[in-house]
N, C-alpha and C. Protein backbone atom coordinates (compact mmCIF):
# COMPACT_ATOMS: atom_id res chain seq x y z
N UNK A 1 0.93 0.58 15.35
CA UNK A 1 1.54 1.79 15.86
C UNK A 1 1.60 2.82 14.73
N UNK A 2 1.23 4.03 15.01
CA UNK A 2 1.24 5.09 14.00
C UNK A 2 2.65 5.54 13.70
N UNK A 3 2.85 5.99 12.47
CA UNK A 3 4.15 6.52 12.08
C UNK A 3 4.28 7.96 12.52
N UNK A 4 5.50 8.35 12.82
CA UNK A 4 5.77 9.75 13.15
C UNK A 4 5.67 10.54 11.85
N UNK A 5 5.13 11.73 11.92
CA UNK A 5 4.86 12.52 10.71
C UNK A 5 6.12 12.83 9.91
N UNK A 6 7.26 12.95 10.56
CA UNK A 6 8.49 13.30 9.85
C UNK A 6 9.10 12.13 9.09
N UNK A 7 8.60 10.91 9.30
CA UNK A 7 9.18 9.76 8.59
C UNK A 7 8.12 8.75 8.16
N UNK A 8 6.86 9.14 8.05
CA UNK A 8 5.79 8.19 7.72
C UNK A 8 5.99 7.55 6.37
N UNK A 9 6.45 8.29 5.37
CA UNK A 9 6.63 7.71 4.05
C UNK A 9 7.82 6.76 4.02
N UNK A 10 8.88 7.12 4.71
CA UNK A 10 10.04 6.24 4.79
C UNK A 10 9.68 4.94 5.50
N UNK A 11 8.90 5.02 6.53
CA UNK A 11 8.52 3.83 7.30
C UNK A 11 7.53 2.96 6.53
N UNK A 12 6.71 3.56 5.71
CA UNK A 12 5.65 2.84 5.02
C UNK A 12 6.12 2.17 3.74
N UNK A 13 7.08 2.74 3.04
CA UNK A 13 7.45 2.24 1.73
C UNK A 13 7.98 0.80 1.78
N UNK A 14 8.75 0.45 2.79
CA UNK A 14 9.26 -0.92 2.90
C UNK A 14 8.12 -1.92 3.10
N UNK A 15 7.14 -1.55 3.92
CA UNK A 15 5.98 -2.42 4.12
C UNK A 15 5.16 -2.54 2.85
N UNK A 16 5.04 -1.45 2.11
CA UNK A 16 4.29 -1.49 0.86
C UNK A 16 4.97 -2.38 -0.17
N UNK A 17 6.30 -2.32 -0.25
CA UNK A 17 7.03 -3.23 -1.14
C UNK A 17 6.81 -4.68 -0.73
N UNK A 18 6.79 -4.96 0.57
CA UNK A 18 6.54 -6.32 1.04
C UNK A 18 5.15 -6.79 0.62
N UNK A 19 4.17 -5.90 0.73
CA UNK A 19 2.82 -6.24 0.28
C UNK A 19 2.81 -6.52 -1.22
N UNK A 20 3.49 -5.68 -1.98
CA UNK A 20 3.55 -5.86 -3.43
C UNK A 20 4.19 -7.20 -3.79
N UNK A 21 5.26 -7.54 -3.11
CA UNK A 21 5.96 -8.81 -3.38
C UNK A 21 5.11 -10.03 -3.05
N UNK A 22 4.10 -9.86 -2.22
CA UNK A 22 3.26 -10.98 -1.79
C UNK A 22 1.81 -10.84 -2.25
N UNK A 23 1.59 -10.02 -3.25
CA UNK A 23 0.23 -9.72 -3.72
C UNK A 23 -0.49 -10.95 -4.24
N UNK A 24 0.23 -11.93 -4.77
CA UNK A 24 -0.42 -13.09 -5.38
C UNK A 24 -0.59 -14.27 -4.42
N UNK A 25 -0.35 -14.06 -3.16
CA UNK A 25 -0.53 -15.13 -2.17
C UNK A 25 -2.01 -15.51 -2.10
N UNK A 26 -2.27 -16.82 -2.01
CA UNK A 26 -3.67 -17.26 -1.97
C UNK A 26 -4.07 -17.83 -0.62
N UNK A 27 -3.14 -17.92 0.30
CA UNK A 27 -3.42 -18.54 1.60
C UNK A 27 -3.65 -17.49 2.70
N UNK A 28 -4.34 -16.41 2.34
CA UNK A 28 -4.57 -15.34 3.29
C UNK A 28 -5.87 -15.57 4.05
N UNK A 29 -5.91 -15.03 5.24
CA UNK A 29 -7.15 -15.06 6.01
C UNK A 29 -8.17 -14.13 5.34
N UNK A 30 -9.41 -14.27 5.73
CA UNK A 30 -10.46 -13.40 5.18
C UNK A 30 -10.15 -11.93 5.47
N UNK A 31 -9.64 -11.64 6.66
CA UNK A 31 -9.31 -10.27 7.02
C UNK A 31 -8.19 -9.72 6.14
N UNK A 32 -7.20 -10.58 5.84
CA UNK A 32 -6.10 -10.14 4.97
C UNK A 32 -6.57 -9.94 3.54
N UNK A 33 -7.49 -10.77 3.07
CA UNK A 33 -8.06 -10.60 1.73
C UNK A 33 -8.76 -9.24 1.63
N UNK A 34 -9.52 -8.91 2.66
CA UNK A 34 -10.22 -7.62 2.69
C UNK A 34 -9.21 -6.47 2.72
N UNK A 35 -8.18 -6.60 3.53
CA UNK A 35 -7.17 -5.55 3.63
C UNK A 35 -6.42 -5.40 2.31
N UNK A 36 -6.13 -6.52 1.62
CA UNK A 36 -5.45 -6.45 0.32
C UNK A 36 -6.32 -5.68 -0.67
N UNK A 37 -7.61 -5.98 -0.71
CA UNK A 37 -8.52 -5.27 -1.61
C UNK A 37 -8.57 -3.79 -1.29
N UNK A 38 -8.62 -3.46 -0.03
CA UNK A 38 -8.63 -2.05 0.39
C UNK A 38 -7.34 -1.35 0.00
N UNK A 39 -6.22 -2.06 0.14
CA UNK A 39 -4.92 -1.50 -0.23
C UNK A 39 -4.86 -1.22 -1.73
N UNK A 40 -5.33 -2.16 -2.54
CA UNK A 40 -5.32 -1.98 -3.99
C UNK A 40 -6.18 -0.78 -4.37
N UNK A 41 -7.35 -0.66 -3.78
CA UNK A 41 -8.23 0.47 -4.07
C UNK A 41 -7.58 1.79 -3.65
N UNK A 42 -6.96 1.81 -2.48
CA UNK A 42 -6.30 3.02 -2.01
C UNK A 42 -5.14 3.41 -2.92
N UNK A 43 -4.35 2.43 -3.35
CA UNK A 43 -3.24 2.73 -4.26
C UNK A 43 -3.76 3.30 -5.58
N UNK A 44 -4.89 2.78 -6.05
CA UNK A 44 -5.52 3.33 -7.25
C UNK A 44 -5.93 4.78 -7.05
N UNK A 45 -6.50 5.08 -5.90
CA UNK A 45 -6.91 6.45 -5.60
C UNK A 45 -5.69 7.37 -5.52
N UNK A 46 -4.64 6.90 -4.87
CA UNK A 46 -3.41 7.70 -4.77
C UNK A 46 -2.86 7.98 -6.16
N UNK A 47 -2.82 6.96 -6.98
CA UNK A 47 -2.31 7.12 -8.35
C UNK A 47 -3.17 8.10 -9.14
N UNK A 48 -4.49 7.96 -9.03
CA UNK A 48 -5.40 8.84 -9.77
C UNK A 48 -5.27 10.29 -9.32
N UNK A 49 -5.07 10.49 -8.02
CA UNK A 49 -5.03 11.84 -7.48
C UNK A 49 -3.66 12.50 -7.56
N UNK A 50 -2.59 11.71 -7.53
CA UNK A 50 -1.26 12.28 -7.44
C UNK A 50 -0.28 11.76 -8.50
N UNK A 51 -0.68 10.78 -9.29
CA UNK A 51 0.22 10.17 -10.25
C UNK A 51 0.81 11.13 -11.24
N UNK A 52 0.03 12.07 -11.73
CA UNK A 52 0.53 13.04 -12.71
C UNK A 52 1.58 13.97 -12.12
N UNK A 53 1.55 14.15 -10.80
CA UNK A 53 2.51 15.02 -10.13
C UNK A 53 3.91 14.41 -10.09
N UNK A 54 4.00 13.10 -10.29
CA UNK A 54 5.27 12.41 -10.09
C UNK A 54 5.65 11.54 -11.28
N UNK A 55 5.26 11.93 -12.48
CA UNK A 55 5.65 11.17 -13.67
C UNK A 55 7.16 11.18 -13.81
N UNK A 56 7.69 10.00 -14.09
CA UNK A 56 9.15 9.88 -14.26
C UNK A 56 9.47 9.48 -15.66
């Protein structure tokens, strides 16, 4: 289900933390392995494109 535009980041951050907490799981299906790789690549792209805007 798609997120509503007014709360997409709020809705996504909890799921992203869950993914991060389970990044080292080795018992994933092939589809989940592919999705994990895609997620890592996307996070890298987000960081490269926007990371400097949000340095803390």
